[in-house]
Amino acid sequence: MNIVVLGATSGIAQAIATKLAQEGHHLILAGRRMDELESMSSDLRIRNQVDVYPAHFDALAMDTHEAFVSSCLERFPTLDGVVLAYGYMGDQKESETDMDIVKRTIDTNYTSCVSILHRFATYFEQQKGGFICALSSVAGDRGRQSNYTYGSSKGALSLYLQGLRNRLSSAGVTVLTVKPGFVDTKMTYGQEGMFLVAKPEKVANDIYKAIRSRKSVLYTPFFWRWIMLIIRLIPESIFKKMKL
């Protein structure tokens, strides 16, 4: 398969790209840091004997998204899937007094995702096949005082993906919503209150299996499904008094 990985230099994305290349898939690794992308592409190409190409992609430059998808189709005659694996998590306390952080969070984690996935969705719908895999978060399952700015942007993305899945199902297109718990990456480094932290490679393996089995929603590691179920079931009258 020919697959585009968006935000390819993130910790989880690198693990996903490695897994996909090991399984023989051809890749376009997209992001802003071209030096890292070129190094990754060369390494995966040599190790796995597959086609891997770096490509510049700026999530927040939404007026370039249409041209970006066209450039991917110039590189590969057909595309089989896209993995969206970028995001931004600012400091919650700072976001409560700084609207710029709020805007950056929403634009990165939601608005830009809708912009680029809208283009890919149209292509896959016309092709009548393919998959969209996007990383949301367990943080989007319920608003908590400790990270509701980030969580609300991921919750909006999850709802968008749910609707997109409903739309594209009849066209044979799979839409996978990935909801990781805490993962050991640069974005979470130094965060307080982290527990049950997973390695990116574990998450990548779970994602690959979910893509192959055409799952709709993946909690990874699996136990986060039950943790978040408990959190969602707590009555609001009690929940609002909790320090979560």
C-alpha atoms as a PDB file:
ATOM      1  CA  MET A   1       0.000   0.000   0.000  1.00  0.00           C
ATOM      2  CA  ASN A   2       0.966   3.641  -0.515  1.00  0.00           C
ATOM      3  CA  ILE A   3       0.449   5.552   2.735  1.00  0.00           C
ATOM      4  CA  VAL A   4       0.904   9.188   3.805  1.00  0.00           C
ATOM      5  CA  VAL A   5       2.035   9.833   7.390  1.00  0.00           C
ATOM      6  CA  LEU A   6       1.281  13.373   8.579  1.00  0.00           C
ATOM      7  CA  GLY A   7       3.400  14.716  11.422  1.00  0.00           C
ATOM      8  CA  ALA A   8       5.923  11.989  10.737  1.00  0.00           C
ATOM      9  CA  THR A   9       8.608  13.244  13.137  1.00  0.00           C
ATOM     10  CA  SER A  10       6.453  12.811  16.258  1.00  0.00           C
ATOM     11  CA  GLY A  11       7.315   9.899  18.527  1.00  0.00           C
ATOM     12  CA  ILE A  12       4.238   7.816  17.742  1.00  0.00           C
ATOM     13  CA  ALA A  13       4.415   8.640  14.024  1.00  0.00           C
ATOM     14  CA  GLN A  14       8.022   7.471  13.796  1.00  0.00           C
ATOM     15  CA  ALA A  15       7.055   4.162  15.393  1.00  0.00           C
ATOM     16  CA  ILE A  16       4.090   3.812  13.014  1.00  0.00           C
ATOM     17  CA  ALA A  17       6.226   4.621   9.971  1.00  0.00           C
ATOM     18  CA  THR A  18       8.802   2.033  11.054  1.00  0.00           C
ATOM     19  CA  LYS A  19       6.094  -0.623  11.454  1.00  0.00           C
ATOM     20  CA  LEU A  20       4.511   0.178   8.092  1.00  0.00           C
ATOM     21  CA  ALA A  21       7.866   0.052   6.304  1.00  0.00           C
ATOM     22  CA  GLN A  22       8.731  -3.256   7.974  1.00  0.00           C
ATOM     23  CA  GLU A  23       5.459  -4.653   6.641  1.00  0.00           C
ATOM     24  CA  GLY A  24       6.409  -3.633   3.093  1.00  0.00           C
ATOM     25  CA  HIS A  25       4.306  -0.509   2.610  1.00  0.00           C
ATOM     26  CA  HIS A  26       5.490   2.537   0.637  1.00  0.00           C
ATOM     27  CA  LEU A  27       5.400   5.854   2.456  1.00  0.00           C
ATOM     28  CA  ILE A  28       5.315   9.604   2.195  1.00  0.00           C
ATOM     29  CA  LEU A  29       6.619  11.069   5.455  1.00  0.00           C
ATOM     30  CA  ALA A  30       5.234  14.570   5.849  1.00  0.00           C
ATOM     31  CA  GLY A  31       6.043  17.327   8.306  1.00  0.00           C
ATOM     32  CA  ARG A  32       7.923  20.595   8.745  1.00  0.00           C
ATOM     33  CA  ARG A  33      11.418  19.404   9.707  1.00  0.00           C
ATOM     34  CA  MET A  34      12.770  18.292   6.365  1.00  0.00           C
ATOM     35  CA  ASP A  35      16.209  17.341   7.672  1.00  0.00           C
ATOM     36  CA  GLU A  36      14.682  14.793  10.061  1.00  0.00           C
ATOM     37  CA  LEU A  37      12.258  13.563   7.413  1.00  0.00           C
ATOM     38  CA  GLU A  38      15.030  13.029   4.896  1.00  0.00           C
ATOM     39  CA  SER A  39      17.078  11.084   7.440  1.00  0.00           C
ATOM     40  CA  MET A  40      14.087   8.936   8.432  1.00  0.00           C
ATOM     41  CA  SER A  41      13.167   8.289   4.800  1.00  0.00           C
ATOM     42  CA  SER A  42      16.677   7.211   3.874  1.00  0.00           C
ATOM     43  CA  ASP A  43      16.945   4.893   6.874  1.00  0.00           C
ATOM     44  CA  LEU A  44      13.570   3.201   6.313  1.00  0.00           C
ATOM     45  CA  ARG A  45      14.215   2.899   2.570  1.00  0.00           C
ATOM     46  CA  ILE A  46      17.549   1.140   3.063  1.00  0.00           C
ATOM     47  CA  ARG A  47      16.447  -1.097   5.932  1.00  0.00           C
ATOM     48  CA  ASN A  48      13.187  -2.275   4.391  1.00  0.00           C
ATOM     49  CA  GLN A  49      13.637  -1.973   0.615  1.00  0.00           C
ATOM     50  CA  VAL A  50      10.486   0.108   0.171  1.00  0.00           C
ATOM     51  CA  ASP A  51       9.837   3.516  -1.380  1.00  0.00           C
ATOM     52  CA  VAL A  52       9.879   6.253   1.269  1.00  0.00           C
ATOM     53  CA  TYR A  53       9.764   9.957   0.407  1.00  0.00           C
ATOM     54  CA  PRO A  54       9.968  13.058   2.610  1.00  0.00           C
ATOM     55  CA  ALA A  55       7.469  15.874   1.987  1.00  0.00           C
ATOM     56  CA  HIS A  56       6.990  19.292   3.512  1.00  0.00           C
ATOM     57  CA  PHE A  57       3.647  19.725   5.260  1.00  0.00           C
ATOM     58  CA  ASP A  58       2.573  22.577   7.534  1.00  0.00           C
ATOM     59  CA  ALA A  59      -0.670  21.727   9.322  1.00  0.00           C
ATOM     60  CA  LEU A  60      -1.437  25.360  10.110  1.00  0.00           C
ATOM     61  CA  ALA A  61      -0.869  26.555   6.511  1.00  0.00           C
ATOM     62  CA  MET A  62      -4.309  25.333   5.563  1.00  0.00           C
ATOM     63  CA  ASP A  63      -4.352  27.153   2.231  1.00  0.00           C
ATOM     64  CA  THR A  64      -1.610  24.721   1.085  1.00  0.00           C
ATOM     65  CA  HIS A  65      -3.465  21.507   1.938  1.00  0.00           C
ATOM     66  CA  GLU A  66      -5.116  21.042  -1.442  1.00  0.00           C
ATOM     67  CA  ALA A  67      -1.773  21.374  -3.210  1.00  0.00           C
ATOM     68  CA  PHE A  68      -0.174  18.991  -0.719  1.00  0.00           C
ATOM     69  CA  VAL A  69      -2.645  16.203  -1.520  1.00  0.00           C
ATOM     70  CA  SER A  70      -2.058  16.807  -5.234  1.00  0.00           C
ATOM     71  CA  SER A  71       1.703  16.520  -4.696  1.00  0.00           C
ATOM     72  CA  CYS A  72       1.207  13.163  -2.951  1.00  0.00           C
ATOM     73  CA  LEU A  73      -0.706  11.922  -5.987  1.00  0.00           C
ATOM     74  CA  GLU A  74       2.126  13.075  -8.209  1.00  0.00           C
ATOM     75  CA  ARG A  75       4.519  10.958  -6.139  1.00  0.00           C
ATOM     76  CA  PHE A  76       2.261   7.848  -6.078  1.00  0.00           C
ATOM     77  CA  PRO A  77      -0.347   7.134  -8.780  1.00  0.00           C
ATOM     78  CA  THR A  78      -2.789   5.983  -6.097  1.00  0.00           C
ATOM     79  CA  LEU A  79      -3.009   6.354  -2.329  1.00  0.00           C
ATOM     80  CA  ASP A  80      -4.318   3.686   0.012  1.00  0.00           C
ATOM     81  CA  GLY A  81      -4.283   5.432   3.341  1.00  0.00           C
ATOM     82  CA  VAL A  82      -3.351   8.412   5.479  1.00  0.00           C
ATOM     83  CA  VAL A  83      -2.196   8.453   9.104  1.00  0.00           C
ATOM     84  CA  LEU A  84      -2.597  11.753  10.945  1.00  0.00           C
ATOM     85  CA  ALA A  85      -0.258  11.733  13.921  1.00  0.00           C
ATOM     86  CA  TYR A  86       0.473  15.319  14.900  1.00  0.00           C
ATOM     87  CA  GLY A  87      -0.839  17.430  17.750  1.00  0.00           C
ATOM     88  CA  TYR A  88      -0.121  20.202  20.227  1.00  0.00           C
ATOM     89  CA  MET A  89      -0.561  20.208  24.011  1.00  0.00           C
ATOM     90  CA  GLY A  90       0.132  23.491  25.743  1.00  0.00           C
ATOM     91  CA  ASP A  91       0.064  24.201  29.458  1.00  0.00           C
ATOM     92  CA  GLN A  92      -3.518  24.201  30.755  1.00  0.00           C
ATOM     93  CA  LYS A  93      -2.978  26.950  33.340  1.00  0.00           C
ATOM     94  CA  GLU A  94      -1.335  29.205  30.781  1.00  0.00           C
ATOM     95  CA  SER A  95      -4.147  28.594  28.307  1.00  0.00           C
ATOM     96  CA  GLU A  96      -6.665  29.901  30.853  1.00  0.00           C
ATOM     97  CA  THR A  97      -5.193  33.392  30.527  1.00  0.00           C
ATOM     98  CA  ASP A  98      -3.653  33.261  27.045  1.00  0.00           C
ATOM     99  CA  MET A  99      -6.064  32.973  24.136  1.00  0.00           C
ATOM    100  CA  ASP A 100      -3.179  32.470  21.705  1.00  0.00           C
ATOM    101  CA  ILE A 101      -2.464  29.088  23.306  1.00  0.00           C
ATOM    102  CA  VAL A 102      -6.141  28.158  23.062  1.00  0.00           C
ATOM    103  CA  LYS A 103      -6.227  29.110  19.387  1.00  0.00           C
ATOM    104  CA  ARG A 104      -3.044  27.225  18.596  1.00  0.00           C
ATOM    105  CA  THR A 105      -4.399  24.139  20.362  1.00  0.00           C
ATOM    106  CA  ILE A 106      -7.715  24.197  18.507  1.00  0.00           C
ATOM    107  CA  ASP A 107      -6.172  25.041  15.134  1.00  0.00           C
ATOM    108  CA  THR A 108      -3.538  22.306  15.424  1.00  0.00           C
ATOM    109  CA  ASN A 109      -5.621  19.528  16.962  1.00  0.00           C
ATOM    110  CA  TYR A 110      -8.931  20.161  15.222  1.00  0.00           C
ATOM    111  CA  THR A 111      -9.253  22.803  12.503  1.00  0.00           C
ATOM    112  CA  SER A 112      -6.153  21.778  10.542  1.00  0.00           C
ATOM    113  CA  CYS A 113      -7.099  18.099  10.867  1.00  0.00           C
ATOM    114  CA  VAL A 114     -10.520  18.752   9.364  1.00  0.00           C
ATOM    115  CA  SER A 115      -8.889  20.752   6.573  1.00  0.00           C
ATOM    116  CA  ILE A 116      -6.438  18.066   5.461  1.00  0.00           C
ATOM    117  CA  LEU A 117      -8.708  15.070   6.112  1.00  0.00           C
ATOM    118  CA  HIS A 118     -11.494  16.713   4.121  1.00  0.00           C
ATOM    119  CA  ARG A 119      -9.235  16.543   1.062  1.00  0.00           C
ATOM    120  CA  PHE A 120      -8.188  12.951   1.629  1.00  0.00           C
ATOM    121  CA  ALA A 121     -11.776  11.906   2.394  1.00  0.00           C
ATOM    122  CA  THR A 122     -12.955  13.245  -0.946  1.00  0.00           C
ATOM    123  CA  TYR A 123     -10.202  11.347  -2.753  1.00  0.00           C
ATOM    124  CA  PHE A 124     -10.872   8.033  -0.986  1.00  0.00           C
ATOM    125  CA  GLU A 125     -14.626   8.401  -1.453  1.00  0.00           C
ATOM    126  CA  GLN A 126     -14.196   8.847  -5.193  1.00  0.00           C
ATOM    127  CA  GLN A 127     -11.723   5.952  -5.263  1.00  0.00           C
ATOM    128  CA  LYS A 128     -14.175   3.824  -3.223  1.00  0.00           C
ATOM    129  CA  GLY A 129     -11.478   2.483  -0.976  1.00  0.00           C
ATOM    130  CA  GLY A 130      -8.705   3.359   1.426  1.00  0.00           C
ATOM    131  CA  PHE A 131      -8.343   4.240   5.084  1.00  0.00           C
ATOM    132  CA  ILE A 132      -8.026   7.285   7.307  1.00  0.00           C
ATOM    133  CA  CYS A 133      -6.336   6.837  10.681  1.00  0.00           C
ATOM    134  CA  ALA A 134      -6.158   9.810  13.034  1.00  0.00           C
ATOM    135  CA  LEU A 135      -4.758  10.126  16.533  1.00  0.00           C
ATOM    136  CA  SER A 136      -7.217  11.644  18.949  1.00  0.00           C
ATOM    137  CA  SER A 137      -6.810  11.050  22.696  1.00  0.00           C
ATOM    138  CA  VAL A 138      -8.510   9.622  25.762  1.00  0.00           C
ATOM    139  CA  ALA A 139      -8.401  13.245  26.968  1.00  0.00           C
ATOM    140  CA  GLY A 140     -11.259  13.958  24.571  1.00  0.00           C
ATOM    141  CA  ASP A 141     -13.655  11.567  26.309  1.00  0.00           C
ATOM    142  CA  ARG A 142     -14.510  13.936  29.152  1.00  0.00           C
ATOM    143  CA  GLY A 143     -13.581  17.494  30.052  1.00  0.00           C
ATOM    144  CA  ARG A 144     -11.288  17.631  33.076  1.00  0.00           C
ATOM    145  CA  GLN A 145      -9.935  20.737  34.753  1.00  0.00           C
ATOM    146  CA  SER A 146      -6.339  19.561  34.339  1.00  0.00           C
ATOM    147  CA  ASN A 147      -6.381  19.599  30.509  1.00  0.00           C
ATOM    148  CA  TYR A 148      -9.756  20.663  29.124  1.00  0.00           C
ATOM    149  CA  THR A 149      -8.280  22.978  26.470  1.00  0.00           C
ATOM    150  CA  TYR A 150      -6.363  20.097  24.900  1.00  0.00           C
ATOM    151  CA  GLY A 151      -9.116  17.599  25.678  1.00  0.00           C
ATOM    152  CA  SER A 152     -11.836  19.685  24.036  1.00  0.00           C
ATOM    153  CA  SER A 153      -9.850  19.911  20.794  1.00  0.00           C
ATOM    154  CA  LYS A 154      -9.359  16.138  20.758  1.00  0.00           C
ATOM    155  CA  GLY A 155     -13.008  15.561  21.653  1.00  0.00           C
ATOM    156  CA  ALA A 156     -14.042  17.672  18.663  1.00  0.00           C
ATOM    157  CA  LEU A 157     -11.706  15.651  16.424  1.00  0.00           C
ATOM    158  CA  SER A 158     -13.191  12.373  17.674  1.00  0.00           C
ATOM    159  CA  LEU A 159     -16.708  13.586  16.897  1.00  0.00           C
ATOM    160  CA  TYR A 160     -15.650  14.730  13.424  1.00  0.00           C
ATOM    161  CA  LEU A 161     -14.069  11.342  12.718  1.00  0.00           C
ATOM    162  CA  GLN A 162     -17.230   9.609  13.886  1.00  0.00           C
ATOM    163  CA  GLY A 163     -19.289  11.552  11.371  1.00  0.00           C
ATOM    164  CA  LEU A 164     -16.709  11.022   8.635  1.00  0.00           C
ATOM    165  CA  ARG A 165     -16.770   7.282   9.326  1.00  0.00           C
ATOM    166  CA  ASN A 166     -20.551   7.285   8.964  1.00  0.00           C
ATOM    167  CA  ARG A 167     -20.308   9.169   5.663  1.00  0.00           C
ATOM    168  CA  LEU A 168     -17.548   7.063   4.102  1.00  0.00           C
ATOM    169  CA  SER A 169     -18.651   3.613   5.201  1.00  0.00           C
ATOM    170  CA  SER A 170     -20.805   3.029   2.114  1.00  0.00           C
ATOM    171  CA  ALA A 171     -17.812   3.898  -0.094  1.00  0.00           C
ATOM    172  CA  GLY A 172     -15.688   1.174   1.508  1.00  0.00           C
ATOM    173  CA  VAL A 173     -13.414   3.647   3.303  1.00  0.00           C
ATOM    174  CA  THR A 174     -12.307   2.860   6.867  1.00  0.00           C
ATOM    175  CA  VAL A 175     -11.975   5.701   9.384  1.00  0.00           C
ATOM    176  CA  LEU A 176     -10.045   4.729  12.513  1.00  0.00           C
ATOM    177  CA  THR A 177     -10.087   6.935  15.609  1.00  0.00           C
ATOM    178  CA  VAL A 178      -7.087   6.189  17.818  1.00  0.00           C
ATOM    179  CA  LYS A 179      -7.342   7.159  21.485  1.00  0.00           C
ATOM    180  CA  PRO A 180      -3.991   6.665  23.185  1.00  0.00           C
ATOM    181  CA  GLY A 181      -3.500   7.041  26.898  1.00  0.00           C
ATOM    182  CA  PHE A 182      -0.176   8.333  28.219  1.00  0.00           C
ATOM    183  CA  VAL A 183       2.647   7.598  25.774  1.00  0.00           C
ATOM    184  CA  ASP A 184       6.364   8.156  26.333  1.00  0.00           C
ATOM    185  CA  THR A 185       7.024  10.922  23.778  1.00  0.00           C
ATOM    186  CA  LYS A 186       8.506  14.416  23.653  1.00  0.00           C
ATOM    187  CA  MET A 187       5.024  15.942  23.967  1.00  0.00           C
ATOM    188  CA  THR A 188       4.395  14.259  27.321  1.00  0.00           C
ATOM    189  CA  TYR A 189       7.933  14.593  28.708  1.00  0.00           C
ATOM    190  CA  GLY A 190       7.853  16.214  32.132  1.00  0.00           C
ATOM    191  CA  GLN A 191       4.064  16.116  32.474  1.00  0.00           C
ATOM    192  CA  GLU A 192       2.835  15.544  36.016  1.00  0.00           C
ATOM    193  CA  GLY A 193       0.332  12.864  37.004  1.00  0.00           C
ATOM    194  CA  MET A 194       1.245  10.377  34.272  1.00  0.00           C
ATOM    195  CA  PHE A 195       0.711   6.675  34.941  1.00  0.00           C
ATOM    196  CA  LEU A 196       0.534   3.444  32.937  1.00  0.00           C
ATOM    197  CA  VAL A 197       2.805   5.056  30.328  1.00  0.00           C
ATOM    198  CA  ALA A 198       3.106   3.094  27.063  1.00  0.00           C
ATOM    199  CA  LYS A 199       6.007   2.892  24.642  1.00  0.00           C
ATOM    200  CA  PRO A 200       5.414   4.319  21.129  1.00  0.00           C
ATOM    201  CA  GLU A 201       6.262   0.945  19.593  1.00  0.00           C
ATOM    202  CA  LYS A 202       3.442  -0.735  21.543  1.00  0.00           C
ATOM    203  CA  VAL A 203       0.983   1.902  20.388  1.00  0.00           C
ATOM    204  CA  ALA A 204       2.213   1.599  16.783  1.00  0.00           C
ATOM    205  CA  ASN A 205       1.698  -2.170  16.791  1.00  0.00           C
ATOM    206  CA  ASP A 206      -1.836  -1.737  18.124  1.00  0.00           C
ATOM    207  CA  ILE A 207      -2.586   0.860  15.445  1.00  0.00           C
ATOM    208  CA  TYR A 208      -1.267  -1.352  12.658  1.00  0.00           C
ATOM    209  CA  LYS A 209      -3.427  -4.265  13.811  1.00  0.00           C
ATOM    210  CA  ALA A 210      -6.459  -1.973  14.020  1.00  0.00           C
ATOM    211  CA  ILE A 211      -5.893  -0.688  10.477  1.00  0.00           C
ATOM    212  CA  ARG A 212      -5.617  -4.229   9.138  1.00  0.00           C
ATOM    213  CA  SER A 213      -8.787  -5.359  10.945  1.00  0.00           C
ATOM    214  CA  ARG A 214     -10.679  -2.207   9.829  1.00  0.00           C
ATOM    215  CA  LYS A 215     -11.573  -1.176  13.369  1.00  0.00           C
ATOM    216  CA  SER A 216     -13.503   2.029  14.010  1.00  0.00           C
ATOM    217  CA  VAL A 217     -12.128   3.055  17.419  1.00  0.00           C
ATOM    218  CA  LEU A 218      -8.950   1.961  19.167  1.00  0.00           C
ATOM    219  CA  TYR A 219      -8.033   2.632  22.786  1.00  0.00           C
ATOM    220  CA  THR A 220      -4.344   1.913  23.277  1.00  0.00           C
ATOM    221  CA  PRO A 221      -3.212   0.300  25.471  1.00  0.00           C
ATOM    222  CA  PHE A 222      -6.556  -1.534  25.667  1.00  0.00           C
ATOM    223  CA  PHE A 223      -7.205  -0.881  29.373  1.00  0.00           C
ATOM    224  CA  TRP A 224      -7.830   2.811  28.680  1.00  0.00           C
ATOM    225  CA  ARG A 225     -11.235   1.844  27.248  1.00  0.00           C
ATOM    226  CA  TRP A 226     -12.297   0.692  30.712  1.00  0.00           C
ATOM    227  CA  ILE A 227     -10.589   3.534  32.584  1.00  0.00           C
ATOM    228  CA  MET A 228     -12.389   6.104  30.446  1.00  0.00           C
ATOM    229  CA  LEU A 229     -15.680   4.240  30.715  1.00  0.00           C
ATOM    230  CA  ILE A 230     -15.503   4.585  34.500  1.00  0.00           C
ATOM    231  CA  ILE A 231     -14.610   8.278  34.211  1.00  0.00           C
ATOM    232  CA  ARG A 232     -17.494   8.943  31.790  1.00  0.00           C
ATOM    233  CA  LEU A 233     -19.967   7.217  34.139  1.00  0.00           C
ATOM    234  CA  ILE A 234     -19.177   9.422  37.145  1.00  0.00           C
ATOM    235  CA  PRO A 235     -22.205  11.723  37.718  1.00  0.00           C
ATOM    236  CA  GLU A 236     -21.522  15.378  36.951  1.00  0.00           C
ATOM    237  CA  SER A 237     -22.541  16.430  40.460  1.00  0.00           C
ATOM    238  CA  ILE A 238     -19.666  14.344  41.806  1.00  0.00           C
ATOM    239  CA  PHE A 239     -17.252  14.800  38.926  1.00  0.00           C
ATOM    240  CA  LYS A 240     -17.114  18.596  39.157  1.00  0.00           C
ATOM    241  CA  LYS A 241     -15.832  18.292  42.729  1.00  0.00           C
ATOM    242  CA  MET A 242     -13.002  15.945  41.754  1.00  0.00           C
ATOM    243  CA  LYS A 243      -9.444  17.141  41.072  1.00  0.00           C
ATOM    244  CA  LEU A 244      -8.837  15.340  37.792  1.00  0.00           C
END
